Amino acid sequence: MNLVMMLADSDAVPSMIKRLWIPDFPWWEFVLRGVVVYVFVLALLRITGKRQVGQLAPFDLVLLLILSNAVQNSMNGGDNTIAGGAISAVTLVALNYFVGFLTFKSKMLEGIIEGRPVMLIHNGCVDQRAMHAVRMTSHELNSSLRAAGIAGPHECMVAILENSGEVTVIPKHGHQNDLNGAENHGHAAAPAKPDGGHSA
């Protein structure tokens, strides 16, 4: 009923359209705000390390949720129009594509923006300097090793923290052979049943 009365009011319809579609700021301000916030958040996550992206502890997740809410008003300036939101969304998608294109074309920019893989374990020895540089605790490293089927660093040939934040684990050859042997033993063919029939 209220919608019908609103549509019947000649002044209400233009006002509703304005609230939905006409932003409070010029389009270029939304683009500028989006660029500044995107670069700021990208630099912030780059500084805090790969762990913030690939391996989220509960407090890391809380941080990202609060961070997204904190920068929301910085991007739209309090504007709630559909057009303003669409301009901000297009700006972020275009920026993300542009950054991906730059990192694809330039290895130097890829290293600056995404970083380089970091070796955490070599031949069973944990590199404490590398662990300190990426701010990863022993508990987090051991958790990644267990997820890969490795009991501890002594069974690991190489463990590398990738740009995505995931840990790639390569076990030692002896441990890999044990795993393959156990798998083959589990899938061994059952012995054939003796033929109970009689020849004619």
Protein backbone atom coordinates (compact mmCIF):
# COMPACT_ATOMS: atom_id res chain seq x y z
CA MET A 1 0.00 0.00 0.00
CA ASN A 2 2.82 2.39 0.87
CA LEU A 3 4.51 1.58 -2.45
CA VAL A 4 1.33 2.36 -4.37
CA MET A 5 0.96 5.69 -2.56
CA MET A 6 4.62 6.45 -3.23
CA LEU A 7 4.22 5.75 -6.94
CA ALA A 8 1.09 7.86 -7.00
CA ASP A 9 3.02 10.79 -5.59
CA SER A 10 4.68 12.54 -8.54
CA ASP A 11 7.46 13.93 -6.35
CA ALA A 12 8.29 10.62 -4.64
CA VAL A 13 9.28 8.75 -7.80
CA PRO A 14 12.09 11.12 -8.89
CA SER A 15 13.32 11.23 -5.28
CA MET A 16 13.44 7.42 -5.09
CA ILE A 17 15.28 7.19 -8.42
CA LYS A 18 17.78 9.77 -7.22
CA ARG A 19 18.47 7.87 -3.99
CA LEU A 20 19.02 4.64 -5.93
CA TRP A 21 20.92 5.74 -9.00
CA ILE A 22 22.42 9.21 -8.66
CA PRO A 23 25.64 9.20 -6.56
CA ASP A 24 26.49 11.98 -4.15
CA PHE A 25 29.97 12.32 -5.67
CA PRO A 26 31.35 12.47 -9.22
CA TRP A 27 32.37 9.14 -10.76
CA TRP A 28 36.08 9.94 -10.74
CA GLU A 29 36.02 10.30 -6.93
CA PHE A 30 34.79 6.72 -6.57
CA VAL A 31 37.58 5.56 -8.87
CA LEU A 32 40.18 7.55 -6.93
CA ARG A 33 38.94 6.22 -3.59
CA GLY A 34 38.98 2.65 -4.91
CA VAL A 35 42.53 2.96 -6.24
CA VAL A 36 43.87 4.43 -2.98
CA VAL A 37 42.15 1.84 -0.77
CA TYR A 38 43.19 -1.06 -3.03
CA VAL A 39 46.84 -0.02 -3.05
CA PHE A 40 46.80 0.59 0.70
CA VAL A 41 45.27 -2.81 1.57
CA LEU A 42 47.55 -4.60 -0.92
CA ALA A 43 50.62 -2.98 0.64
CA LEU A 44 49.34 -3.74 4.15
CA LEU A 45 48.83 -7.43 3.41
CA ARG A 46 52.19 -7.58 1.64
CA ILE A 47 53.92 -6.14 4.71
CA THR A 48 52.17 -8.47 7.16
CA GLY A 49 53.42 -11.52 5.25
CA LYS A 50 52.19 -14.55 3.32
CA ARG A 51 50.67 -16.17 6.38
CA GLN A 52 47.92 -13.56 6.45
CA VAL A 53 46.78 -14.74 3.02
CA GLY A 54 47.27 -18.49 2.98
CA GLN A 55 47.04 -19.70 6.59
CA LEU A 56 44.52 -17.76 8.62
CA ALA A 57 44.50 -18.16 12.37
CA PRO A 58 41.27 -17.10 14.11
CA PHE A 59 42.65 -13.66 14.99
CA ASP A 60 43.82 -13.23 11.37
CA LEU A 61 40.28 -13.88 10.13
CA VAL A 62 38.88 -11.36 12.62
CA LEU A 63 41.44 -8.82 11.41
CA LEU A 64 40.46 -9.23 7.75
CA LEU A 65 36.74 -8.98 8.55
CA ILE A 66 37.25 -5.79 10.54
CA LEU A 67 39.60 -4.43 7.90
CA SER A 68 37.03 -4.89 5.14
CA ASN A 69 34.43 -3.08 7.23
CA ALA A 70 36.88 -0.30 8.11
CA VAL A 71 37.72 0.56 4.51
CA GLN A 72 34.13 0.37 3.24
CA ASN A 73 33.25 3.97 4.08
CA SER A 74 36.60 5.11 2.75
CA MET A 75 35.63 3.74 -0.64
CA ASN A 76 32.08 5.03 -0.95
CA GLY A 77 32.23 8.08 1.31
CA GLY A 78 28.87 7.14 2.80
CA ASP A 79 27.19 6.91 -0.61
CA ASN A 80 24.67 4.05 -0.80
CA THR A 81 23.53 4.36 -4.41
CA ILE A 82 23.59 1.44 -6.83
CA ALA A 83 25.60 3.46 -9.33
CA GLY A 84 28.25 4.31 -6.74
CA GLY A 85 28.59 0.67 -5.72
CA ALA A 86 28.82 -0.40 -9.36
CA ILE A 87 31.58 2.12 -10.07
CA SER A 88 33.57 0.94 -7.03
CA ALA A 89 33.12 -2.72 -8.00
CA VAL A 90 34.25 -2.12 -11.60
CA THR A 91 37.25 -0.14 -10.31
CA LEU A 92 38.38 -2.98 -8.00
CA VAL A 93 37.95 -5.66 -10.66
CA ALA A 94 39.86 -3.55 -13.22
CA LEU A 95 42.65 -2.89 -10.70
CA ASN A 96 42.92 -6.57 -9.86
CA TYR A 97 43.16 -7.48 -13.56
CA PHE A 98 45.75 -4.75 -14.15
CA VAL A 99 47.91 -5.90 -11.23
CA GLY A 100 47.68 -9.50 -12.44
CA PHE A 101 48.74 -8.39 -15.92
CA LEU A 102 51.71 -6.47 -14.53
CA THR A 103 52.93 -9.39 -12.44
CA PHE A 104 52.57 -11.67 -15.47
CA LYS A 105 54.67 -9.38 -17.65
CA SER A 106 57.33 -8.36 -15.13
CA LYS A 107 59.17 -10.74 -12.82
CA MET A 108 60.48 -7.78 -10.85
CA LEU A 109 56.97 -6.49 -10.13
CA GLU A 110 55.87 -10.05 -9.36
CA GLY A 111 58.55 -10.25 -6.69
CA ILE A 112 57.59 -6.86 -5.23
CA ILE A 113 53.83 -7.45 -5.19
CA GLU A 114 53.57 -11.20 -4.60
CA GLY A 115 56.97 -11.91 -3.08
CA ARG A 116 59.16 -14.97 -3.64
CA PRO A 117 58.86 -18.54 -2.34
CA VAL A 118 60.77 -19.06 0.91
CA MET A 119 62.50 -22.33 1.83
CA LEU A 120 61.69 -23.21 5.43
CA ILE A 121 63.21 -26.69 5.68
CA HIS A 122 66.13 -28.23 3.79
CA ASN A 123 67.19 -31.83 4.36
CA GLY A 124 65.37 -32.00 7.70
CA CYS A 125 66.84 -28.74 9.07
CA VAL A 126 64.51 -25.83 9.84
CA ASP A 127 65.76 -22.43 8.70
CA GLN A 128 65.00 -20.27 11.75
CA ARG A 129 65.95 -17.07 9.92
CA ALA A 130 63.43 -17.80 7.21
CA MET A 131 60.81 -18.68 9.83
CA HIS A 132 61.43 -15.36 11.57
CA ALA A 133 61.34 -13.44 8.28
CA VAL A 134 57.90 -14.77 7.35
CA ARG A 135 56.69 -14.68 10.96
CA MET A 136 55.66 -18.33 11.06
CA THR A 137 55.68 -20.25 14.32
CA SER A 138 56.91 -23.82 14.78
CA HIS A 139 53.35 -24.87 15.58
CA GLU A 140 52.10 -23.55 12.23
CA LEU A 141 54.96 -25.24 10.36
CA ASN A 142 54.37 -28.58 12.08
CA SER A 143 50.67 -28.30 11.32
CA SER A 144 51.45 -27.88 7.61
CA LEU A 145 53.81 -30.86 7.73
CA ARG A 146 51.18 -33.06 9.37
CA ALA A 147 48.65 -32.03 6.73
CA ALA A 148 51.12 -33.34 4.13
CA GLY A 149 51.54 -36.66 5.97
CA ILE A 150 54.90 -35.76 7.55
CA ALA A 151 55.44 -36.37 11.25
CA GLY A 152 58.12 -33.71 11.64
CA PRO A 153 60.97 -31.82 10.00
CA HIS A 154 63.28 -34.85 10.27
CA GLU A 155 61.13 -36.63 7.64
CA CYS A 156 61.08 -33.64 5.29
CA MET A 157 63.53 -33.03 2.47
CA VAL A 158 62.20 -29.60 1.49
CA ALA A 159 59.39 -27.35 2.74
CA ILE A 160 58.68 -24.13 0.85
CA LEU A 161 56.30 -21.32 1.73
CA GLU A 162 54.69 -20.39 -1.59
CA ASN A 163 53.47 -16.96 -2.65
CA SER A 164 49.90 -18.10 -2.02
CA GLY A 165 50.73 -18.73 1.65
CA GLU A 166 50.54 -22.51 1.33
CA VAL A 167 53.45 -24.73 2.37
CA THR A 168 54.71 -27.21 -0.23
CA VAL A 169 56.30 -30.26 1.41
CA ILE A 170 58.62 -32.82 -0.26
CA PRO A 171 59.36 -35.84 1.99
CA LYS A 172 62.68 -37.63 2.16
CA HIS A 173 63.12 -40.54 -0.22
CA GLY A 174 63.02 -43.19 2.49
CA HIS A 175 59.81 -41.80 3.91
CA GLN A 176 58.27 -41.64 0.43
CA ASN A 177 59.18 -45.27 -0.21
CA ASP A 178 57.56 -46.26 3.09
CA LEU A 179 54.38 -44.46 2.07
CA ASN A 180 54.37 -46.10 -1.36
CA GLY A 181 55.01 -49.53 0.18
CA ALA A 182 52.15 -49.11 2.63
CA GLU A 183 49.85 -48.00 -0.18
CA ASN A 184 50.82 -50.94 -2.39
CA HIS A 185 50.36 -53.34 0.53
CA GLY A 186 46.89 -51.98 1.13
CA HIS A 187 45.94 -52.45 -2.51
CA ALA A 188 47.51 -55.92 -2.91
CA ALA A 189 45.41 -58.33 -4.94
CA ALA A 190 43.52 -60.97 -2.96
CA PRO A 191 44.63 -64.58 -3.58
CA ALA A 192 42.61 -66.47 -6.17
CA LYS A 193 40.05 -68.90 -4.80
CA PRO A 194 40.69 -72.54 -5.63
CA ASP A 195 38.47 -74.01 -8.31
CA GLY A 196 36.08 -76.43 -6.68
CA GLY A 197 34.79 -77.89 -9.96
CA HIS A 198 35.70 -81.33 -11.39
CA SER A 199 36.95 -81.95 -14.89
CA ALA A 200 34.72 -83.96 -17.05
